[in-house]
C-alpha atoms as a PDB file:
ATOM      1  CA  MET A   1       0.000   0.000   0.000  1.00  0.00           C
ATOM      2  CA  LYS A   2       1.466   3.355  -0.960  1.00  0.00           C
ATOM      3  CA  LEU A   3       2.193   5.920   1.730  1.00  0.00           C
ATOM      4  CA  ASN A   4      -0.116   8.490   0.124  1.00  0.00           C
ATOM      5  CA  GLU A   5      -2.964   5.943   0.160  1.00  0.00           C
ATOM      6  CA  ILE A   6      -2.489   5.371   3.892  1.00  0.00           C
ATOM      7  CA  TYR A   7      -2.427   9.133   4.443  1.00  0.00           C
ATOM      8  CA  ALA A   8      -5.671   9.526   2.461  1.00  0.00           C
ATOM      9  CA  PHE A   9      -7.339   6.817   4.569  1.00  0.00           C
ATOM     10  CA  LEU A  10      -6.258   8.491   7.812  1.00  0.00           C
ATOM     11  CA  ASP A  11      -7.363  11.886   6.500  1.00  0.00           C
ATOM     12  CA  THR A  12     -10.831  10.474   5.875  1.00  0.00           C
ATOM     13  CA  LEU A  13     -10.884   8.830   9.311  1.00  0.00           C
ATOM     14  CA  SER A  14      -9.660  11.928  11.164  1.00  0.00           C
ATOM     15  CA  PRO A  15      -9.336  15.003   8.911  1.00  0.00           C
ATOM     16  CA  PHE A  16      -5.994  16.713   9.348  1.00  0.00           C
ATOM     17  CA  GLU A  17      -7.585  20.086   8.609  1.00  0.00           C
ATOM     18  CA  LYS A  18      -9.366  19.822  11.976  1.00  0.00           C
ATOM     19  CA  GLN A  19      -6.114  19.993  13.951  1.00  0.00           C
ATOM     20  CA  ALA A  20      -5.454  22.985  16.213  1.00  0.00           C
ATOM     21  CA  SER A  21      -3.716  25.943  14.588  1.00  0.00           C
ATOM     22  CA  TRP A  22      -0.532  25.374  16.613  1.00  0.00           C
ATOM     23  CA  ASP A  23      -0.363  21.647  15.853  1.00  0.00           C
ATOM     24  CA  ASN A  24       1.789  19.822  13.285  1.00  0.00           C
ATOM     25  CA  SER A  25      -0.156  16.682  12.465  1.00  0.00           C
ATOM     26  CA  GLY A  26       0.104  15.036   9.059  1.00  0.00           C
ATOM     27  CA  LEU A  27       2.815  13.453   6.930  1.00  0.00           C
ATOM     28  CA  LEU A  28       6.081  14.557   8.536  1.00  0.00           C
ATOM     29  CA  LEU A  29       8.582  12.218   6.915  1.00  0.00           C
ATOM     30  CA  GLY A  30       8.599   9.942   3.890  1.00  0.00           C
ATOM     31  CA  ASN A  31       8.113   9.646   0.149  1.00  0.00           C
ATOM     32  CA  GLU A  32       4.439   9.618  -0.807  1.00  0.00           C
ATOM     33  CA  GLN A  33       4.978   6.931  -3.463  1.00  0.00           C
ATOM     34  CA  ASP A  34       6.828   4.505  -1.170  1.00  0.00           C
ATOM     35  CA  GLU A  35       5.256   1.076  -0.723  1.00  0.00           C
ATOM     36  CA  ILE A  36       4.441   0.335   2.928  1.00  0.00           C
ATOM     37  CA  SER A  37       3.723  -3.137   4.280  1.00  0.00           C
ATOM     38  CA  LYS A  38       4.377  -2.680   8.010  1.00  0.00           C
ATOM     39  CA  VAL A  39       3.043   0.012  10.343  1.00  0.00           C
ATOM     40  CA  TYR A  40       4.002   0.732  13.940  1.00  0.00           C
ATOM     41  CA  LEU A  41       1.467   2.560  16.126  1.00  0.00           C
ATOM     42  CA  SER A  42       2.883   4.489  19.057  1.00  0.00           C
ATOM     43  CA  LEU A  43       2.141   7.432  21.292  1.00  0.00           C
ATOM     44  CA  ASP A  44       5.709   8.708  20.798  1.00  0.00           C
ATOM     45  CA  ILE A  45       8.984   7.836  19.074  1.00  0.00           C
ATOM     46  CA  ASP A  46      12.077   6.764  20.968  1.00  0.00           C
ATOM     47  CA  GLU A  47      15.379   5.030  20.226  1.00  0.00           C
ATOM     48  CA  ASN A  48      14.041   1.529  20.913  1.00  0.00           C
ATOM     49  CA  LEU A  49      11.138   1.914  18.532  1.00  0.00           C
ATOM     50  CA  ILE A  50      13.476   2.941  15.716  1.00  0.00           C
ATOM     51  CA  LYS A  51      16.026   0.257  16.558  1.00  0.00           C
ATOM     52  CA  ASN A  52      13.466  -2.545  16.471  1.00  0.00           C
ATOM     53  CA  ALA A  53      11.507  -1.305  13.459  1.00  0.00           C
ATOM     54  CA  GLU A  54      11.999  -2.815  10.009  1.00  0.00           C
ATOM     55  CA  GLU A  55      13.322  -0.700   7.171  1.00  0.00           C
ATOM     56  CA  ASN A  56      10.843   0.900   4.749  1.00  0.00           C
ATOM     57  CA  SER A  57       8.094   0.912   7.362  1.00  0.00           C
ATOM     58  CA  LEU A  58       5.740   3.600   8.705  1.00  0.00           C
ATOM     59  CA  PHE A  59       5.324   5.071  12.156  1.00  0.00           C
ATOM     60  CA  ILE A  60       1.889   6.440  13.024  1.00  0.00           C
ATOM     61  CA  THR A  61       2.147   8.419  16.247  1.00  0.00           C
ATOM     62  CA  HIS A  62      -0.083  10.624  18.314  1.00  0.00           C
ATOM     63  CA  HIS A  63       2.520  13.230  19.253  1.00  0.00           C
ATOM     64  CA  PRO A  64       4.295  14.841  16.283  1.00  0.00           C
ATOM     65  CA  LEU A  65       8.068  14.396  16.446  1.00  0.00           C
ATOM     66  CA  ILE A  66       8.476  17.795  14.770  1.00  0.00           C
ATOM     67  CA  PHE A  67       6.639  20.744  16.300  1.00  0.00           C
ATOM     68  CA  LYS A  68       8.912  23.688  15.555  1.00  0.00           C
ATOM     69  CA  PRO A  69      10.896  24.391  12.357  1.00  0.00           C
ATOM     70  CA  LEU A  70      14.296  22.678  12.351  1.00  0.00           C
ATOM     71  CA  LYS A  71      17.256  24.677  11.032  1.00  0.00           C
ATOM     72  CA  ASN A  72      19.412  21.578  10.477  1.00  0.00           C
ATOM     73  CA  LEU A  73      19.744  17.856  11.138  1.00  0.00           C
ATOM     74  CA  SER A  74      23.425  17.964  12.031  1.00  0.00           C
ATOM     75  CA  GLY A  75      23.022  17.901  15.804  1.00  0.00           C
ATOM     76  CA  THR A  76      22.799  14.995  18.208  1.00  0.00           C
ATOM     77  CA  THR A  77      19.914  16.438  20.231  1.00  0.00           C
ATOM     78  CA  TYR A  78      16.196  15.617  20.250  1.00  0.00           C
ATOM     79  CA  PRO A  79      14.505  15.323  17.791  1.00  0.00           C
ATOM     80  CA  GLN A  80      17.258  15.651  15.180  1.00  0.00           C
ATOM     81  CA  PHE A  81      19.070  12.432  16.071  1.00  0.00           C
ATOM     82  CA  LEU A  82      15.839  10.427  15.935  1.00  0.00           C
ATOM     83  CA  ILE A  83      14.961  11.844  12.528  1.00  0.00           C
ATOM     84  CA  LYS A  84      18.407  10.971  11.155  1.00  0.00           C
ATOM     85  CA  GLU A  85      18.045   7.378  12.340  1.00  0.00           C
ATOM     86  CA  MET A  86      14.632   7.130  10.714  1.00  0.00           C
ATOM     87  CA  VAL A  87      15.986   8.481   7.422  1.00  0.00           C
ATOM     88  CA  LYS A  88      18.741   5.841   7.480  1.00  0.00           C
ATOM     89  CA  LYS A  89      16.088   3.105   7.652  1.00  0.00           C
ATOM     90  CA  ASN A  90      13.692   4.889   5.299  1.00  0.00           C
ATOM     91  CA  ILE A  91      10.997   5.031   7.953  1.00  0.00           C
ATOM     92  CA  ALA A  92       8.059   7.335   7.220  1.00  0.00           C
ATOM     93  CA  LEU A  93       6.064   9.220   9.840  1.00  0.00           C
ATOM     94  CA  ILE A  94       2.450  10.331  10.050  1.00  0.00           C
ATOM     95  CA  SER A  95       1.137  11.962  13.229  1.00  0.00           C
ATOM     96  CA  LEU A  96      -2.494  12.250  14.285  1.00  0.00           C
ATOM     97  CA  HIS A  97      -2.599  14.608  17.230  1.00  0.00           C
ATOM     98  CA  THR A  98      -5.297  17.173  17.970  1.00  0.00           C
ATOM     99  CA  ASN A  99      -7.355  16.110  14.964  1.00  0.00           C
ATOM    100  CA  TYR A 100      -7.494  12.595  16.440  1.00  0.00           C
ATOM    101  CA  ASP A 101      -8.289  13.935  19.907  1.00  0.00           C
ATOM    102  CA  LEU A 102     -11.251  15.659  18.322  1.00  0.00           C
ATOM    103  CA  SER A 103     -12.454  12.763  16.192  1.00  0.00           C
ATOM    104  CA  HIS A 104     -11.691   9.683  18.303  1.00  0.00           C
ATOM    105  CA  LEU A 105      -9.389   9.659  21.322  1.00  0.00           C
ATOM    106  CA  ASN A 106     -11.415  11.784  23.739  1.00  0.00           C
ATOM    107  CA  ARG A 107     -14.543   9.720  23.152  1.00  0.00           C
ATOM    108  CA  TYR A 108     -12.616   6.438  23.332  1.00  0.00           C
ATOM    109  CA  PHE A 109     -11.064   7.417  26.656  1.00  0.00           C
ATOM    110  CA  VAL A 110     -14.383   8.458  28.170  1.00  0.00           C
ATOM    111  CA  LYS A 111     -16.302   5.353  27.043  1.00  0.00           C
ATOM    112  CA  GLU A 112     -13.773   2.514  26.960  1.00  0.00           C
ATOM    113  CA  ILE A 113     -11.436   3.565  29.760  1.00  0.00           C
ATOM    114  CA  LEU A 114     -13.542   5.569  32.228  1.00  0.00           C
ATOM    115  CA  GLY A 115     -16.677   3.566  31.408  1.00  0.00           C
ATOM    116  CA  PHE A 116     -19.156   6.407  30.866  1.00  0.00           C
ATOM    117  CA  GLU A 117     -21.875   5.648  28.320  1.00  0.00           C
ATOM    118  CA  ASP A 118     -24.035   8.774  28.302  1.00  0.00           C
ATOM    119  CA  PHE A 119     -21.980  11.738  27.119  1.00  0.00           C
ATOM    120  CA  TRP A 120     -21.813  14.430  24.459  1.00  0.00           C
ATOM    121  CA  GLN A 121     -19.005  16.333  22.787  1.00  0.00           C
ATOM    122  CA  GLU A 122     -18.443  20.056  22.349  1.00  0.00           C
ATOM    123  CA  GLU A 123     -15.245  20.533  20.339  1.00  0.00           C
ATOM    124  CA  PHE A 124     -12.396  19.084  22.453  1.00  0.00           C
ATOM    125  CA  LEU A 125     -14.523  18.727  25.587  1.00  0.00           C
ATOM    126  CA  ILE A 126     -16.567  15.655  26.478  1.00  0.00           C
ATOM    127  CA  TYR A 127     -19.407  16.301  28.939  1.00  0.00           C
ATOM    128  CA  VAL A 128     -20.934  13.622  31.144  1.00  0.00           C
ATOM    129  CA  LYS A 129     -23.984  13.821  33.387  1.00  0.00           C
ATOM    130  CA  VAL A 130     -23.142  12.111  36.662  1.00  0.00           C
ATOM    131  CA  ASP A 131     -24.577  11.435  40.095  1.00  0.00           C
ATOM    132  CA  LEU A 132     -21.339  11.117  42.043  1.00  0.00           C
ATOM    133  CA  SER A 133     -19.524  12.784  44.882  1.00  0.00           C
ATOM    134  CA  PHE A 134     -16.117  14.258  44.160  1.00  0.00           C
ATOM    135  CA  GLY A 135     -14.551  11.506  46.252  1.00  0.00           C
ATOM    136  CA  GLU A 136     -16.408   8.797  44.340  1.00  0.00           C
ATOM    137  CA  LEU A 137     -15.246  10.241  41.026  1.00  0.00           C
ATOM    138  CA  CYS A 138     -11.644  10.340  42.219  1.00  0.00           C
ATOM    139  CA  GLU A 139     -11.849   6.709  43.304  1.00  0.00           C
ATOM    140  CA  ARG A 140     -13.353   5.688  39.965  1.00  0.00           C
ATOM    141  CA  VAL A 141     -10.560   7.432  38.059  1.00  0.00           C
ATOM    142  CA  ARG A 142      -7.845   5.913  40.259  1.00  0.00           C
ATOM    143  CA  LYS A 143      -9.176   2.390  39.719  1.00  0.00           C
ATOM    144  CA  ARG A 144      -9.834   2.751  35.987  1.00  0.00           C
ATOM    145  CA  LEU A 145      -6.357   4.178  35.322  1.00  0.00           C
ATOM    146  CA  ASN A 146      -4.646   1.993  37.926  1.00  0.00           C
ATOM    147  CA  LEU A 147      -3.165   5.016  39.706  1.00  0.00           C
ATOM    148  CA  SER A 148      -1.831   5.008  43.243  1.00  0.00           C
ATOM    149  CA  GLN A 149      -2.544   8.706  43.694  1.00  0.00           C
ATOM    150  CA  LEU A 150      -4.291  11.636  42.041  1.00  0.00           C
ATOM    151  CA  LYS A 151      -3.384  15.295  41.816  1.00  0.00           C
ATOM    152  CA  ILE A 152      -6.539  17.302  42.432  1.00  0.00           C
ATOM    153  CA  SER A 153      -7.802  20.816  43.022  1.00  0.00           C
ATOM    154  CA  PHE A 154     -11.036  20.751  45.024  1.00  0.00           C
ATOM    155  CA  SER A 155     -13.461  23.673  44.860  1.00  0.00           C
ATOM    156  CA  GLY A 156     -15.458  22.475  47.876  1.00  0.00           C
ATOM    157  CA  ARG A 157     -18.437  21.237  45.869  1.00  0.00           C
ATOM    158  CA  GLU A 158     -18.771  17.576  46.848  1.00  0.00           C
ATOM    159  CA  LYS A 159     -21.918  16.734  44.867  1.00  0.00           C
ATOM    160  CA  LEU A 160     -21.257  16.488  41.104  1.00  0.00           C
ATOM    161  CA  GLU A 161     -23.886  16.640  38.383  1.00  0.00           C
ATOM    162  CA  LYS A 162     -21.815  17.333  35.259  1.00  0.00           C
ATOM    163  CA  ILE A 163     -18.146  16.741  34.507  1.00  0.00           C
ATOM    164  CA  ALA A 164     -15.934  17.673  31.558  1.00  0.00           C
ATOM    165  CA  ILE A 165     -13.087  15.553  30.192  1.00  0.00           C
ATOM    166  CA  CYS A 166     -10.245  16.206  27.749  1.00  0.00           C
ATOM    167  CA  THR A 167      -7.222  13.978  27.193  1.00  0.00           C
ATOM    168  CA  GLY A 168      -3.773  15.567  27.036  1.00  0.00           C
ATOM    169  CA  SER A 169      -3.230  19.149  28.155  1.00  0.00           C
ATOM    170  CA  GLY A 170      -6.665  20.712  28.423  1.00  0.00           C
ATOM    171  CA  GLY A 171      -5.846  23.513  30.841  1.00  0.00           C
ATOM    172  CA  ASP A 172      -6.317  26.260  28.264  1.00  0.00           C
ATOM    173  CA  LEU A 173      -9.977  25.215  27.986  1.00  0.00           C
ATOM    174  CA  ILE A 174     -10.796  25.992  31.633  1.00  0.00           C
ATOM    175  CA  SER A 175     -12.480  29.303  30.878  1.00  0.00           C
ATOM    176  CA  SER A 176     -14.943  27.556  28.550  1.00  0.00           C
ATOM    177  CA  VAL A 177     -15.727  24.575  30.802  1.00  0.00           C
ATOM    178  CA  ARG A 178     -19.279  24.548  32.114  1.00  0.00           C
ATOM    179  CA  ALA A 179     -19.222  21.742  34.656  1.00  0.00           C
ATOM    180  CA  ASP A 180     -18.609  20.931  38.313  1.00  0.00           C
ATOM    181  CA  CYS A 181     -15.311  19.144  37.689  1.00  0.00           C
ATOM    182  CA  PHE A 182     -12.797  19.031  34.832  1.00  0.00           C
ATOM    183  CA  LEU A 183     -10.561  16.026  34.133  1.00  0.00           C
ATOM    184  CA  SER A 184      -7.527  16.391  31.897  1.00  0.00           C
ATOM    185  CA  GLY A 185      -3.967  15.190  31.496  1.00  0.00           C
ATOM    186  CA  ASP A 186      -2.130  18.060  33.132  1.00  0.00           C
ATOM    187  CA  PHE A 187      -2.745  21.574  34.429  1.00  0.00           C
ATOM    188  CA  LYS A 188      -0.540  24.554  35.167  1.00  0.00           C
ATOM    189  CA  TYR A 189      -0.479  26.361  38.514  1.00  0.00           C
ATOM    190  CA  HIS A 190      -2.255  29.488  37.284  1.00  0.00           C
ATOM    191  CA  GLN A 191      -4.895  27.330  35.568  1.00  0.00           C
ATOM    192  CA  ALA A 192      -5.723  25.687  38.885  1.00  0.00           C
ATOM    193  CA  LEU A 193      -6.117  29.132  40.465  1.00  0.00           C
ATOM    194  CA  GLU A 194      -8.446  30.160  37.650  1.00  0.00           C
ATOM    195  CA  ALA A 195     -10.497  26.996  38.052  1.00  0.00           C
ATOM    196  CA  LEU A 196     -10.900  27.464  41.808  1.00  0.00           C
ATOM    197  CA  SER A 197     -12.024  31.051  41.320  1.00  0.00           C
ATOM    198  CA  ASN A 198     -14.679  29.710  38.926  1.00  0.00           C
ATOM    199  CA  GLY A 199     -15.833  27.063  41.417  1.00  0.00           C
ATOM    200  CA  LEU A 200     -14.436  24.316  39.203  1.00  0.00           C
ATOM    201  CA  SER A 201     -12.681  21.273  40.676  1.00  0.00           C
ATOM    202  CA  LEU A 202      -9.832  19.655  38.743  1.00  0.00           C
ATOM    203  CA  ILE A 203      -8.567  16.095  38.504  1.00  0.00           C
ATOM    204  CA  GLU A 204      -5.187  15.715  36.820  1.00  0.00           C
ATOM    205  CA  LEU A 205      -5.057  12.367  35.033  1.00  0.00           C
ATOM    206  CA  GLY A 206      -1.454  12.526  33.829  1.00  0.00           C
ATOM    207  CA  HIS A 207      -0.668  13.404  30.221  1.00  0.00           C
ATOM    208  CA  TYR A 208       0.700   9.961  29.375  1.00  0.00           C
ATOM    209  CA  GLU A 209      -2.017   8.209  31.371  1.00  0.00           C
ATOM    210  CA  SER A 210      -4.778   9.944  29.438  1.00  0.00           C
ATOM    211  CA  GLU A 211      -3.295   9.383  25.967  1.00  0.00           C
ATOM    212  CA  CYS A 212      -1.505   6.021  26.130  1.00  0.00           C
ATOM    213  CA  TYR A 213      -4.600   4.400  24.594  1.00  0.00           C
ATOM    214  CA  PHE A 214      -3.922   5.999  21.191  1.00  0.00           C
ATOM    215  CA  ALA A 215      -2.655   2.824  19.532  1.00  0.00           C
ATOM    216  CA  GLU A 216      -5.424   0.545  20.810  1.00  0.00           C
ATOM    217  CA  SER A 217      -8.076   3.051  19.742  1.00  0.00           C
ATOM    218  CA  LEU A 218      -6.658   3.347  16.205  1.00  0.00           C
ATOM    219  CA  VAL A 219      -5.693  -0.253  15.438  1.00  0.00           C
ATOM    220  CA  LYS A 220      -9.254  -1.460  14.856  1.00  0.00           C
ATOM    221  CA  HIS A 221      -9.678   1.096  12.066  1.00  0.00           C
ATOM    222  CA  LEU A 222      -6.627  -0.287  10.224  1.00  0.00           C
ATOM    223  CA  GLN A 223      -7.462  -3.991  10.452  1.00  0.00           C
ATOM    224  CA  ASN A 224      -8.985  -4.230   6.966  1.00  0.00           C
ATOM    225  CA  LEU A 225      -6.048  -2.564   5.224  1.00  0.00           C
ATOM    226  CA  PRO A 226      -3.365  -4.712   3.511  1.00  0.00           C
ATOM    227  CA  LEU A 227      -0.851  -3.876   6.233  1.00  0.00           C
ATOM    228  CA  LYS A 228       0.810  -5.585   9.158  1.00  0.00           C
ATOM    229  CA  VAL A 229       0.139  -3.344  12.147  1.00  0.00           C
ATOM    230  CA  ILE A 230       2.207  -3.510  15.333  1.00  0.00           C
ATOM    231  CA  MET A 231       1.261  -1.645  18.491  1.00  0.00           C
ATOM    232  CA  SER A 232       4.248  -0.251  20.382  1.00  0.00           C
ATOM    233  CA  VAL A 233       4.030   0.627  24.069  1.00  0.00           C
ATOM    234  CA  SER A 234       5.593   4.033  24.674  1.00  0.00           C
ATOM    235  CA  LYS A 235       7.449   4.654  27.908  1.00  0.00           C
ATOM    236  CA  ASN A 236       6.178   7.332  30.241  1.00  0.00           C
ATOM    237  CA  PRO A 237       8.973   9.933  30.566  1.00  0.00           C
ATOM    238  CA  PHE A 238       7.898  10.528  34.170  1.00  0.00           C
ATOM    239  CA  GLN A 239       8.138   8.103  37.084  1.00  0.00           C
ATOM    240  CA  TYR A 240       6.550   8.303  40.526  1.00  0.00           C
ATOM    241  CA  PHE A 241       8.021   7.331  43.903  1.00  0.00           C
END
C-alpha cells in the first residue's frame, strides 16, 4: 500500500484540517509513493522503537516528532538524532494529534477507559452527566487508570452533576468549561487558580495516562487494510516514587 494511500485513509478517518492551529499533524517524513507493508502505532517515538523497526516501514504516532521548524539535522539532540536514524532506515512518519483527539481519542477514553456511556461532545470537551460525589469520582478514576494517587484541586463542591473531560493538556480550555469538575492530562499552577475562582474542581489524570490508549483506539480502524500493524508501548517519561 502506498504511503499516500495510507495518508488519504487516515485523513478520511480523522481530517488533518481539523487539527489545532498550533499543531503539526500530518505526513512529517517519507516519500508519498513509497510502498508500505508494516506500520508501527505508538504514542511517541524513541530510540528503541526505531532500533526494532523494520526498514521501509511507517510510524503512526499521536505526538508529532516535529513541532517547531528545524534549522538543520546535524546535531545529536532531540529530535534531530531520531529523525536521522529514521531516514537511514527509510521510515516514514504520520502523526495524528489534535485532529485525532477531536475525532476519536477523547470519546474512546471516556467510554472505553472511564466507562461512561451517556456523554456528548463540544469541540475538544466531552461532557458527562453524573450522580457522584467528588470523592467517588476520584476513586473511579484511580481504579480505571490503575493510579496510586491523584493530583486534584477541590473547589469544595462535593456533589457532582456534570463533569468535563479532555485527554492531554486541556488547561487552556478551563475558561470555557461549564461543569462541576474538569478532568484532563495536566494543568498549570495558574490554571488551577483560575479553576478554583470559577468554582471548578480539577482532577489531573497525567498526560501519558490519558493518551496512552492511542494505539489501541486506532488499530481497529486499520485492520482491513493490507498492512501488518504492530502496536508499540511508549514509555512514560515521568516516574513516581
